[in-house]
């Protein structure tokens, strides 16, 4: 549940920041007439993300076991690729997100309503699709059939919406540079488990050999049905009897990716501190503001 909460929180906060920046800019520039098409674009993006998640869930139920495992494994690898790109993208562009969005919004306002709807849709839709895919993968890999993964993601999204609203109202300050660094690092660890489990799915689908080649078996020490075994499974996709391929993939992804992500990027001390988007003294060179 925690891993899905973190996914919902991070992706939701990114989307909330984008929405807050766009709305604040329109309000500041006295373009309140453009708020309606902005919300239309946001609504379409949310609907698309929900539809995508439903299509994955209900469409996969019609498949055979091998096909389900093949689909789950393939989408797990895709989800890890998208999340990895997302955390590195935010790490690289966080300081310039506000000015970048302002530039796109100015261009959309000049082009008309349709362009404004498209801008809002594209700005929010990416996070929505990534969240739907990653949450579906987590639900698919859960072995107990409980709704906790969905509940965790929903709670994370709800928290992100509240934080975004407080951010916009100026009632909250947060060090975004540190927030995205910590959550990004945790997501890399979670993604390593998802990637390893994805390869396990492909082995169960008989796409990749080695399903019976176990790296170790500690099920007697960490029973899968114990509370701590369930916790490790839910957070890190931990498996007490992984295959050699799973362990190899986990190490080859986690070590270099985490090392690259945590490498210094030149954030000066205190540059992550931001105020609300209504703060007239905010600077675009700082972390994204909303």
C-alpha atoms as a PDB file:
ATOM      1  CA  UNK A   1       0.000   0.000   0.000  1.00  0.00           C
ATOM      2  CA  UNK A   2       2.833   2.402   0.870  1.00  0.00           C
ATOM      3  CA  UNK A   3       4.473   2.070  -2.536  1.00  0.00           C
ATOM      4  CA  UNK A   4       1.203   2.963  -4.259  1.00  0.00           C
ATOM      5  CA  UNK A   5       0.637   5.816  -1.817  1.00  0.00           C
ATOM      6  CA  UNK A   6       4.060   7.171  -2.737  1.00  0.00           C
ATOM      7  CA  UNK A   7       3.322   6.822  -6.458  1.00  0.00           C
ATOM      8  CA  UNK A   8      -0.023   8.582  -6.090  1.00  0.00           C
ATOM      9  CA  UNK A   9       1.509  11.299  -3.922  1.00  0.00           C
ATOM     10  CA  UNK A  10       4.435  12.069  -6.192  1.00  0.00           C
ATOM     11  CA  UNK A  11       2.604  11.886  -9.503  1.00  0.00           C
ATOM     12  CA  UNK A  12      -0.401  13.682  -8.036  1.00  0.00           C
ATOM     13  CA  UNK A  13       1.729  16.452  -6.586  1.00  0.00           C
ATOM     14  CA  UNK A  14       3.454  16.954  -9.924  1.00  0.00           C
ATOM     15  CA  UNK A  15       0.070  17.300 -11.600  1.00  0.00           C
ATOM     16  CA  UNK A  16      -1.198  19.562  -8.798  1.00  0.00           C
ATOM     17  CA  UNK A  17       1.829  21.831  -9.145  1.00  0.00           C
ATOM     18  CA  UNK A  18       1.302  22.070 -12.894  1.00  0.00           C
ATOM     19  CA  UNK A  19      -2.387  22.939 -12.444  1.00  0.00           C
ATOM     20  CA  UNK A  20      -1.613  25.511  -9.742  1.00  0.00           C
ATOM     21  CA  UNK A  21       1.037  27.190 -11.885  1.00  0.00           C
ATOM     22  CA  UNK A  22      -1.278  27.397 -14.888  1.00  0.00           C
ATOM     23  CA  UNK A  23      -4.250  28.696 -12.897  1.00  0.00           C
ATOM     24  CA  UNK A  24      -2.169  31.229 -10.969  1.00  0.00           C
ATOM     25  CA  UNK A  25      -0.676  32.554 -14.200  1.00  0.00           C
ATOM     26  CA  UNK A  26      -4.083  33.002 -15.808  1.00  0.00           C
ATOM     27  CA  UNK A  27      -5.379  34.781 -12.720  1.00  0.00           C
ATOM     28  CA  UNK A  28      -2.336  37.057 -12.518  1.00  0.00           C
ATOM     29  CA  UNK A  29      -2.590  38.006 -16.188  1.00  0.00           C
ATOM     30  CA  UNK A  30      -6.349  38.663 -15.864  1.00  0.00           C
ATOM     31  CA  UNK A  31      -7.249  35.840 -18.245  1.00  0.00           C
ATOM     32  CA  UNK A  32      -9.923  34.192 -16.121  1.00  0.00           C
ATOM     33  CA  UNK A  33     -11.905  33.549 -19.307  1.00  0.00           C
ATOM     34  CA  UNK A  34      -9.323  30.882 -20.145  1.00  0.00           C
ATOM     35  CA  UNK A  35      -9.912  28.945 -16.922  1.00  0.00           C
ATOM     36  CA  UNK A  36     -12.847  26.970 -18.358  1.00  0.00           C
ATOM     37  CA  UNK A  37     -10.936  25.426 -21.294  1.00  0.00           C
ATOM     38  CA  UNK A  38      -8.058  24.790 -18.888  1.00  0.00           C
ATOM     39  CA  UNK A  39     -10.320  22.735 -16.641  1.00  0.00           C
ATOM     40  CA  UNK A  40     -11.764  20.945 -19.668  1.00  0.00           C
ATOM     41  CA  UNK A  41      -8.288  19.808 -20.670  1.00  0.00           C
ATOM     42  CA  UNK A  42      -7.574  18.656 -17.110  1.00  0.00           C
ATOM     43  CA  UNK A  43     -10.872  16.766 -16.969  1.00  0.00           C
ATOM     44  CA  UNK A  44     -10.197  14.994 -20.260  1.00  0.00           C
ATOM     45  CA  UNK A  45      -6.727  13.993 -19.031  1.00  0.00           C
ATOM     46  CA  UNK A  46      -8.153  12.526 -15.808  1.00  0.00           C
ATOM     47  CA  UNK A  47     -10.870  10.672 -17.744  1.00  0.00           C
ATOM     48  CA  UNK A  48      -8.272   9.230 -20.120  1.00  0.00           C
ATOM     49  CA  UNK A  49      -6.127   7.994 -17.234  1.00  0.00           C
ATOM     50  CA  UNK A  50      -9.112   6.319 -15.575  1.00  0.00           C
ATOM     51  CA  UNK A  51     -10.203   4.785 -18.881  1.00  0.00           C
ATOM     52  CA  UNK A  52      -6.703   3.494 -19.504  1.00  0.00           C
ATOM     53  CA  UNK A  53      -6.627   1.832 -16.092  1.00  0.00           C
ATOM     54  CA  UNK A  54     -10.052   0.245 -16.631  1.00  0.00           C
ATOM     55  CA  UNK A  55      -9.021  -1.018 -20.068  1.00  0.00           C
ATOM     56  CA  UNK A  56      -5.943  -2.678 -18.588  1.00  0.00           C
ATOM     57  CA  UNK A  57      -7.904  -4.301 -15.762  1.00  0.00           C
ATOM     58  CA  UNK A  58     -10.933  -5.583 -17.637  1.00  0.00           C
ATOM     59  CA  UNK A  59      -9.094  -6.365 -20.863  1.00  0.00           C
ATOM     60  CA  UNK A  60      -6.544  -8.570 -19.102  1.00  0.00           C
ATOM     61  CA  UNK A  61      -9.261 -10.691 -17.474  1.00  0.00           C
ATOM     62  CA  UNK A  62     -10.132 -12.212 -20.849  1.00  0.00           C
ATOM     63  CA  UNK A  63      -6.609 -13.544 -21.379  1.00  0.00           C
ATOM     64  CA  UNK A  64      -5.142 -16.942 -20.548  1.00  0.00           C
ATOM     65  CA  UNK A  65      -2.797 -17.261 -17.565  1.00  0.00           C
ATOM     66  CA  UNK A  66       0.311 -17.219 -19.754  1.00  0.00           C
ATOM     67  CA  UNK A  67      -0.964 -14.209 -21.685  1.00  0.00           C
ATOM     68  CA  UNK A  68      -1.779 -12.373 -18.443  1.00  0.00           C
ATOM     69  CA  UNK A  69       1.715 -13.016 -17.118  1.00  0.00           C
ATOM     70  CA  UNK A  70       3.278 -11.906 -20.404  1.00  0.00           C
ATOM     71  CA  UNK A  71       1.189  -8.734 -20.412  1.00  0.00           C
ATOM     72  CA  UNK A  72       1.936  -8.035 -16.761  1.00  0.00           C
ATOM     73  CA  UNK A  73       5.659  -8.581 -17.219  1.00  0.00           C
ATOM     74  CA  UNK A  74       5.859  -6.428 -20.341  1.00  0.00           C
ATOM     75  CA  UNK A  75       3.886  -3.585 -18.759  1.00  0.00           C
ATOM     76  CA  UNK A  76       5.991  -3.832 -15.605  1.00  0.00           C
ATOM     77  CA  UNK A  77       9.126  -3.203 -17.646  1.00  0.00           C
ATOM     78  CA  UNK A  78       7.397  -0.347 -19.488  1.00  0.00           C
ATOM     79  CA  UNK A  79       6.186   1.168 -16.200  1.00  0.00           C
ATOM     80  CA  UNK A  80       9.691   1.064 -14.736  1.00  0.00           C
ATOM     81  CA  UNK A  81      11.054   2.771 -17.846  1.00  0.00           C
ATOM     82  CA  UNK A  82       8.446   5.538 -17.607  1.00  0.00           C
ATOM     83  CA  UNK A  83       8.928   6.081 -13.878  1.00  0.00           C
ATOM     84  CA  UNK A  84      12.712   6.152 -14.261  1.00  0.00           C
ATOM     85  CA  UNK A  85      12.427   8.734 -17.028  1.00  0.00           C
ATOM     86  CA  UNK A  86       9.980  10.727 -14.906  1.00  0.00           C
ATOM     87  CA  UNK A  87      12.174  10.965 -11.805  1.00  0.00           C
ATOM     88  CA  UNK A  88      15.232  11.972 -13.829  1.00  0.00           C
ATOM     89  CA  UNK A  89      13.174  14.474 -15.857  1.00  0.00           C
ATOM     90  CA  UNK A  90      11.841  16.152 -12.722  1.00  0.00           C
ATOM     91  CA  UNK A  91      15.325  16.165 -11.216  1.00  0.00           C
ATOM     92  CA  UNK A  92      16.656  17.960 -14.289  1.00  0.00           C
ATOM     93  CA  UNK A  93      13.830  20.423 -14.997  1.00  0.00           C
ATOM     94  CA  UNK A  94      12.341  21.195 -11.577  1.00  0.00           C
ATOM     95  CA  UNK A  95      14.107  24.550 -11.333  1.00  0.00           C
ATOM     96  CA  UNK A  96      12.715  25.724 -14.677  1.00  0.00           C
ATOM     97  CA  UNK A  97       9.268  24.118 -14.642  1.00  0.00           C
ATOM     98  CA  UNK A  98       7.378  27.329 -13.897  1.00  0.00           C
ATOM     99  CA  UNK A  99       8.955  29.417 -16.664  1.00  0.00           C
ATOM    100  CA  UNK A 100       8.600  26.521 -19.115  1.00  0.00           C
ATOM    101  CA  UNK A 101       4.879  26.181 -18.393  1.00  0.00           C
ATOM    102  CA  UNK A 102       4.372  29.934 -18.643  1.00  0.00           C
ATOM    103  CA  UNK A 103       5.944  29.923 -22.091  1.00  0.00           C
ATOM    104  CA  UNK A 104       3.717  27.089 -23.283  1.00  0.00           C
ATOM    105  CA  UNK A 105       0.647  28.794 -21.840  1.00  0.00           C
ATOM    106  CA  UNK A 106       1.451  32.090 -23.555  1.00  0.00           C
ATOM    107  CA  UNK A 107       1.742  30.288 -26.886  1.00  0.00           C
ATOM    108  CA  UNK A 108      -1.535  28.437 -26.276  1.00  0.00           C
ATOM    109  CA  UNK A 109      -3.374  31.663 -25.402  1.00  0.00           C
ATOM    110  CA  UNK A 110      -2.252  33.177 -28.697  1.00  0.00           C
ATOM    111  CA  UNK A 111      -3.421  30.122 -30.648  1.00  0.00           C
ATOM    112  CA  UNK A 112      -6.891  29.895 -29.111  1.00  0.00           C
ATOM    113  CA  UNK A 113      -9.112  27.720 -26.915  1.00  0.00           C
ATOM    114  CA  UNK A 114      -8.231  24.411 -28.544  1.00  0.00           C
ATOM    115  CA  UNK A 115      -4.528  24.925 -27.939  1.00  0.00           C
ATOM    116  CA  UNK A 116      -5.210  25.838 -24.312  1.00  0.00           C
ATOM    117  CA  UNK A 117      -7.221  22.640 -23.775  1.00  0.00           C
ATOM    118  CA  UNK A 118      -4.416  20.634 -25.376  1.00  0.00           C
ATOM    119  CA  UNK A 119      -1.788  22.290 -23.177  1.00  0.00           C
ATOM    120  CA  UNK A 120      -3.669  21.440 -19.987  1.00  0.00           C
ATOM    121  CA  UNK A 121      -4.377  17.937 -21.258  1.00  0.00           C
ATOM    122  CA  UNK A 122      -0.748  17.199 -22.106  1.00  0.00           C
ATOM    123  CA  UNK A 123       0.545  18.754 -18.883  1.00  0.00           C
ATOM    124  CA  UNK A 124      -1.640  16.543 -16.686  1.00  0.00           C
ATOM    125  CA  UNK A 125      -2.210  13.522 -18.920  1.00  0.00           C
ATOM    126  CA  UNK A 126       1.340  12.187 -18.727  1.00  0.00           C
ATOM    127  CA  UNK A 127       1.237  11.913 -14.949  1.00  0.00           C
ATOM    128  CA  UNK A 128      -2.205  10.321 -15.107  1.00  0.00           C
ATOM    129  CA  UNK A 129      -1.196   7.623 -17.594  1.00  0.00           C
ATOM    130  CA  UNK A 130       2.002   6.842 -15.693  1.00  0.00           C
ATOM    131  CA  UNK A 131       0.069   6.545 -12.440  1.00  0.00           C
ATOM    132  CA  UNK A 132      -2.569   4.252 -13.980  1.00  0.00           C
ATOM    133  CA  UNK A 133       0.061   1.970 -15.486  1.00  0.00           C
ATOM    134  CA  UNK A 134       2.243   1.741 -12.383  1.00  0.00           C
ATOM    135  CA  UNK A 135      -0.711   1.186 -10.045  1.00  0.00           C
ATOM    136  CA  UNK A 136      -2.132  -1.523 -12.332  1.00  0.00           C
ATOM    137  CA  UNK A 137       1.227  -3.267 -12.321  1.00  0.00           C
ATOM    138  CA  UNK A 138       1.283  -3.119  -8.499  1.00  0.00           C
ATOM    139  CA  UNK A 139      -2.258  -4.481  -8.261  1.00  0.00           C
ATOM    140  CA  UNK A 140      -1.364  -7.227 -10.729  1.00  0.00           C
ATOM    141  CA  UNK A 141       1.697  -8.257  -8.718  1.00  0.00           C
ATOM    142  CA  UNK A 142      -0.221  -8.322  -5.400  1.00  0.00           C
ATOM    143  CA  UNK A 143      -0.915 -11.904  -4.476  1.00  0.00           C
ATOM    144  CA  UNK A 144      -3.570 -11.423  -1.798  1.00  0.00           C
ATOM    145  CA  UNK A 145      -6.264  -9.896  -4.017  1.00  0.00           C
ATOM    146  CA  UNK A 146      -6.985  -7.073  -1.550  1.00  0.00           C
ATOM    147  CA  UNK A 147      -7.866  -3.528  -2.629  1.00  0.00           C
ATOM    148  CA  UNK A 148      -4.982  -2.032  -0.624  1.00  0.00           C
ATOM    149  CA  UNK A 149      -2.915  -1.024  -3.696  1.00  0.00           C
ATOM    150  CA  UNK A 150      -5.832   0.984  -5.104  1.00  0.00           C
ATOM    151  CA  UNK A 151      -6.604   2.460  -1.691  1.00  0.00           C
ATOM    152  CA  UNK A 152      -2.976   3.504  -1.267  1.00  0.00           C
ATOM    153  CA  UNK A 153      -2.871   5.198  -4.662  1.00  0.00           C
ATOM    154  CA  UNK A 154      -6.188   6.970  -4.036  1.00  0.00           C
ATOM    155  CA  UNK A 155      -4.994   8.196  -0.649  1.00  0.00           C
ATOM    156  CA  UNK A 156      -1.754   9.459  -2.195  1.00  0.00           C
ATOM    157  CA  UNK A 157      -3.643  11.341  -4.914  1.00  0.00           C
ATOM    158  CA  UNK A 158      -6.009  12.841  -2.331  1.00  0.00           C
ATOM    159  CA  UNK A 159      -3.033  13.994  -0.243  1.00  0.00           C
ATOM    160  CA  UNK A 160      -1.467  15.549  -3.344  1.00  0.00           C
ATOM    161  CA  UNK A 161      -4.662  17.459  -4.145  1.00  0.00           C
ATOM    162  CA  UNK A 162      -4.839  18.847  -0.607  1.00  0.00           C
ATOM    163  CA  UNK A 163      -1.158  19.835  -0.676  1.00  0.00           C
ATOM    164  CA  UNK A 164      -1.620  21.478  -4.075  1.00  0.00           C
ATOM    165  CA  UNK A 165      -4.585  23.497  -2.806  1.00  0.00           C
ATOM    166  CA  UNK A 166      -2.679  24.596   0.315  1.00  0.00           C
ATOM    167  CA  UNK A 167       0.265  25.478  -1.914  1.00  0.00           C
ATOM    168  CA  UNK A 168      -1.930  27.626  -4.137  1.00  0.00           C
ATOM    169  CA  UNK A 169      -3.530  29.388  -1.174  1.00  0.00           C
ATOM    170  CA  UNK A 170      -0.108  30.234   0.226  1.00  0.00           C
ATOM    171  CA  UNK A 171      -0.708  28.222   3.405  1.00  0.00           C
ATOM    172  CA  UNK A 172       2.154  25.813   2.806  1.00  0.00           C
ATOM    173  CA  UNK A 173       5.837  25.956   2.003  1.00  0.00           C
ATOM    174  CA  UNK A 174       7.753  22.884   1.007  1.00  0.00           C
ATOM    175  CA  UNK A 175      11.313  22.224  -0.107  1.00  0.00           C
ATOM    176  CA  UNK A 176      10.503  20.727  -3.501  1.00  0.00           C
ATOM    177  CA  UNK A 177      14.116  19.939  -4.355  1.00  0.00           C
ATOM    178  CA  UNK A 178      14.429  17.712  -1.286  1.00  0.00           C
ATOM    179  CA  UNK A 179      10.922  16.314  -1.701  1.00  0.00           C
ATOM    180  CA  UNK A 180      11.501  15.150  -5.264  1.00  0.00           C
ATOM    181  CA  UNK A 181      14.961  13.842  -4.385  1.00  0.00           C
ATOM    182  CA  UNK A 182      13.726  11.708  -1.492  1.00  0.00           C
ATOM    183  CA  UNK A 183      10.594  10.443  -3.222  1.00  0.00           C
ATOM    184  CA  UNK A 184      12.505   9.896  -6.459  1.00  0.00           C
ATOM    185  CA  UNK A 185      15.108   7.782  -4.680  1.00  0.00           C
ATOM    186  CA  UNK A 186      12.390   5.736  -2.986  1.00  0.00           C
ATOM    187  CA  UNK A 187      10.615   5.246  -6.304  1.00  0.00           C
ATOM    188  CA  UNK A 188      13.843   3.942  -7.853  1.00  0.00           C
ATOM    189  CA  UNK A 189      14.028   1.309  -5.083  1.00  0.00           C
ATOM    190  CA  UNK A 190      10.359   0.402  -5.621  1.00  0.00           C
ATOM    191  CA  UNK A 191      10.856   0.307  -9.395  1.00  0.00           C
ATOM    192  CA  UNK A 192      13.719  -2.177  -8.954  1.00  0.00           C
ATOM    193  CA  UNK A 193      11.312  -4.584  -7.249  1.00  0.00           C
ATOM    194  CA  UNK A 194       8.675  -4.044  -9.939  1.00  0.00           C
ATOM    195  CA  UNK A 195      11.245  -4.701 -12.655  1.00  0.00           C
ATOM    196  CA  UNK A 196      12.422  -7.920 -11.016  1.00  0.00           C
ATOM    197  CA  UNK A 197       8.833  -9.100 -10.602  1.00  0.00           C
ATOM    198  CA  UNK A 198       8.146  -8.202 -14.231  1.00  0.00           C
ATOM    199  CA  UNK A 199      10.910 -10.541 -15.358  1.00  0.00           C
ATOM    200  CA  UNK A 200       9.465 -13.190 -13.058  1.00  0.00           C
ATOM    201  CA  UNK A 201       6.126 -12.780 -14.851  1.00  0.00           C
ATOM    202  CA  UNK A 202       7.860 -13.272 -18.175  1.00  0.00           C
ATOM    203  CA  UNK A 203       9.451 -16.434 -16.797  1.00  0.00           C
ATOM    204  CA  UNK A 204       6.034 -17.703 -15.699  1.00  0.00           C
ATOM    205  CA  UNK A 205       4.731 -16.937 -19.192  1.00  0.00           C
ATOM    206  CA  UNK A 206       7.582 -19.122 -20.502  1.00  0.00           C
ATOM    207  CA  UNK A 207       9.029 -16.216 -22.467  1.00  0.00           C
ATOM    208  CA  UNK A 208      12.296 -16.371 -20.520  1.00  0.00           C
ATOM    209  CA  UNK A 209      13.867 -19.545 -19.070  1.00  0.00           C
ATOM    210  CA  UNK A 210      15.147 -20.023 -15.530  1.00  0.00           C
ATOM    211  CA  UNK A 211      11.920 -20.131 -13.482  1.00  0.00           C
ATOM    212  CA  UNK A 212      13.217 -23.045 -11.383  1.00  0.00           C
ATOM    213  CA  UNK A 213      16.723 -21.573 -10.887  1.00  0.00           C
ATOM    214  CA  UNK A 214      16.339 -20.047  -7.421  1.00  0.00           C
ATOM    215  CA  UNK A 215      18.939 -17.610  -6.126  1.00  0.00           C
ATOM    216  CA  UNK A 216      17.914 -18.414  -2.524  1.00  0.00           C
ATOM    217  CA  UNK A 217      14.870 -19.505  -0.540  1.00  0.00           C
ATOM    218  CA  UNK A 218      14.145 -17.868   2.816  1.00  0.00           C
ATOM    219  CA  UNK A 219      10.419 -18.542   2.940  1.00  0.00           C
ATOM    220  CA  UNK A 220      10.936 -20.288   6.287  1.00  0.00           C
ATOM    221  CA  UNK A 221      12.448 -17.087   7.715  1.00  0.00           C
ATOM    222  CA  UNK A 222      10.116 -14.625   5.963  1.00  0.00           C
ATOM    223  CA  UNK A 223       6.827 -16.437   5.289  1.00  0.00           C
ATOM    224  CA  UNK A 224       4.942 -14.740   2.421  1.00  0.00           C
ATOM    225  CA  UNK A 225       1.715 -14.800   4.450  1.00  0.00           C
ATOM    226  CA  UNK A 226       3.247 -13.150   7.540  1.00  0.00           C
ATOM    227  CA  UNK A 227       2.593  -9.481   8.260  1.00  0.00           C
ATOM    228  CA  UNK A 228       6.218  -8.536   7.597  1.00  0.00           C
ATOM    229  CA  UNK A 229       6.341 -10.690   4.472  1.00  0.00           C
ATOM    230  CA  UNK A 230       3.178  -8.994   3.218  1.00  0.00           C
ATOM    231  CA  UNK A 231       4.657  -5.581   4.071  1.00  0.00           C
ATOM    232  CA  UNK A 232       7.886  -6.271   2.174  1.00  0.00           C
ATOM    233  CA  UNK A 233       5.904  -7.634  -0.748  1.00  0.00           C
ATOM    234  CA  UNK A 234       3.578  -4.638  -0.859  1.00  0.00           C
ATOM    235  CA  UNK A 235       6.293  -2.001  -0.582  1.00  0.00           C
ATOM    236  CA  UNK A 236       9.273  -3.480  -2.432  1.00  0.00           C
ATOM    237  CA  UNK A 237       7.764  -6.431  -4.363  1.00  0.00           C
ATOM    238  CA  UNK A 238      10.053  -8.581  -2.224  1.00  0.00           C
ATOM    239  CA  UNK A 239      10.035 -12.311  -2.953  1.00  0.00           C
ATOM    240  CA  UNK A 240      11.504 -14.791  -0.480  1.00  0.00           C
ATOM    241  CA  UNK A 241      12.429 -17.279  -3.214  1.00  0.00           C
ATOM    242  CA  UNK A 242      13.501 -15.191  -6.239  1.00  0.00           C
ATOM    243  CA  UNK A 243      15.089 -16.613  -9.336  1.00  0.00           C
ATOM    244  CA  UNK A 244      18.676 -15.884 -10.270  1.00  0.00           C
ATOM    245  CA  UNK A 245      17.443 -13.654 -13.085  1.00  0.00           C
ATOM    246  CA  UNK A 246      15.286 -11.606 -10.703  1.00  0.00           C
ATOM    247  CA  UNK A 247      18.181 -10.903  -8.355  1.00  0.00           C
ATOM    248  CA  UNK A 248      20.485 -10.091 -11.274  1.00  0.00           C
ATOM    249  CA  UNK A 249      17.990  -7.673 -12.841  1.00  0.00           C
ATOM    250  CA  UNK A 250      17.309  -6.043  -9.450  1.00  0.00           C
ATOM    251  CA  UNK A 251      21.006  -5.372  -8.820  1.00  0.00           C
ATOM    252  CA  UNK A 252      21.801  -4.252 -12.382  1.00  0.00           C
ATOM    253  CA  UNK A 253      18.965  -1.711 -12.274  1.00  0.00           C
ATOM    254  CA  UNK A 254      19.107  -0.466  -8.682  1.00  0.00           C
ATOM    255  CA  UNK A 255      22.812   0.190  -8.138  1.00  0.00           C
ATOM    256  CA  UNK A 256      23.670   2.295 -11.233  1.00  0.00           C
ATOM    257  CA  UNK A 257      20.258   4.033 -11.400  1.00  0.00           C
ATOM    258  CA  UNK A 258      20.285   5.074  -7.756  1.00  0.00           C
ATOM    259  CA  UNK A 259      23.918   6.192  -7.996  1.00  0.00           C
ATOM    260  CA  UNK A 260      23.153   8.371 -11.039  1.00  0.00           C
ATOM    261  CA  UNK A 261      19.998   9.781  -9.465  1.00  0.00           C
ATOM    262  CA  UNK A 262      21.697  10.753  -6.201  1.00  0.00           C
ATOM    263  CA  UNK A 263      24.694  12.328  -7.921  1.00  0.00           C
ATOM    264  CA  UNK A 264      24.938  16.105  -7.255  1.00  0.00           C
ATOM    265  CA  UNK A 265      23.047  18.289  -9.735  1.00  0.00           C
ATOM    266  CA  UNK A 266      24.083  21.714  -8.450  1.00  0.00           C
ATOM    267  CA  UNK A 267      21.123  22.592  -6.278  1.00  0.00           C
ATOM    268  CA  UNK A 268      22.312  25.307  -3.962  1.00  0.00           C
ATOM    269  CA  UNK A 269      21.296  25.152  -0.350  1.00  0.00           C
ATOM    270  CA  UNK A 270      17.850  26.598   0.172  1.00  0.00           C
ATOM    271  CA  UNK A 271      16.970  26.867  -3.505  1.00  0.00           C
ATOM    272  CA  UNK A 272      14.202  24.333  -3.080  1.00  0.00           C
ATOM    273  CA  UNK A 273      12.276  26.694  -0.777  1.00  0.00           C
ATOM    274  CA  UNK A 274       9.258  28.038  -2.554  1.00  0.00           C
ATOM    275  CA  UNK A 275       6.210  30.064  -1.824  1.00  0.00           C
ATOM    276  CA  UNK A 276       2.772  29.991  -3.323  1.00  0.00           C
ATOM    277  CA  UNK A 277       2.266  30.938  -6.981  1.00  0.00           C
ATOM    278  CA  UNK A 278       0.630  34.155  -5.846  1.00  0.00           C
ATOM    279  CA  UNK A 279       3.901  35.360  -4.387  1.00  0.00           C
ATOM    280  CA  UNK A 280       4.917  38.222  -6.655  1.00  0.00           C
ATOM    281  CA  UNK A 281       8.555  37.890  -5.668  1.00  0.00           C
ATOM    282  CA  UNK A 282       9.037  34.292  -6.807  1.00  0.00           C
ATOM    283  CA  UNK A 283      11.794  33.568  -9.294  1.00  0.00           C
ATOM    284  CA  UNK A 284      11.586  30.990 -12.098  1.00  0.00           C
ATOM    285  CA  UNK A 285      15.141  29.849 -11.396  1.00  0.00           C
ATOM    286  CA  UNK A 286      14.001  28.301  -8.165  1.00  0.00           C
ATOM    287  CA  UNK A 287      12.169  24.999  -7.732  1.00  0.00           C
ATOM    288  CA  UNK A 288       8.675  24.827  -9.252  1.00  0.00           C
ATOM    289  CA  UNK A 289       6.152  26.940  -7.435  1.00  0.00           C
ATOM    290  CA  UNK A 290       2.478  26.635  -7.197  1.00  0.00           C
END
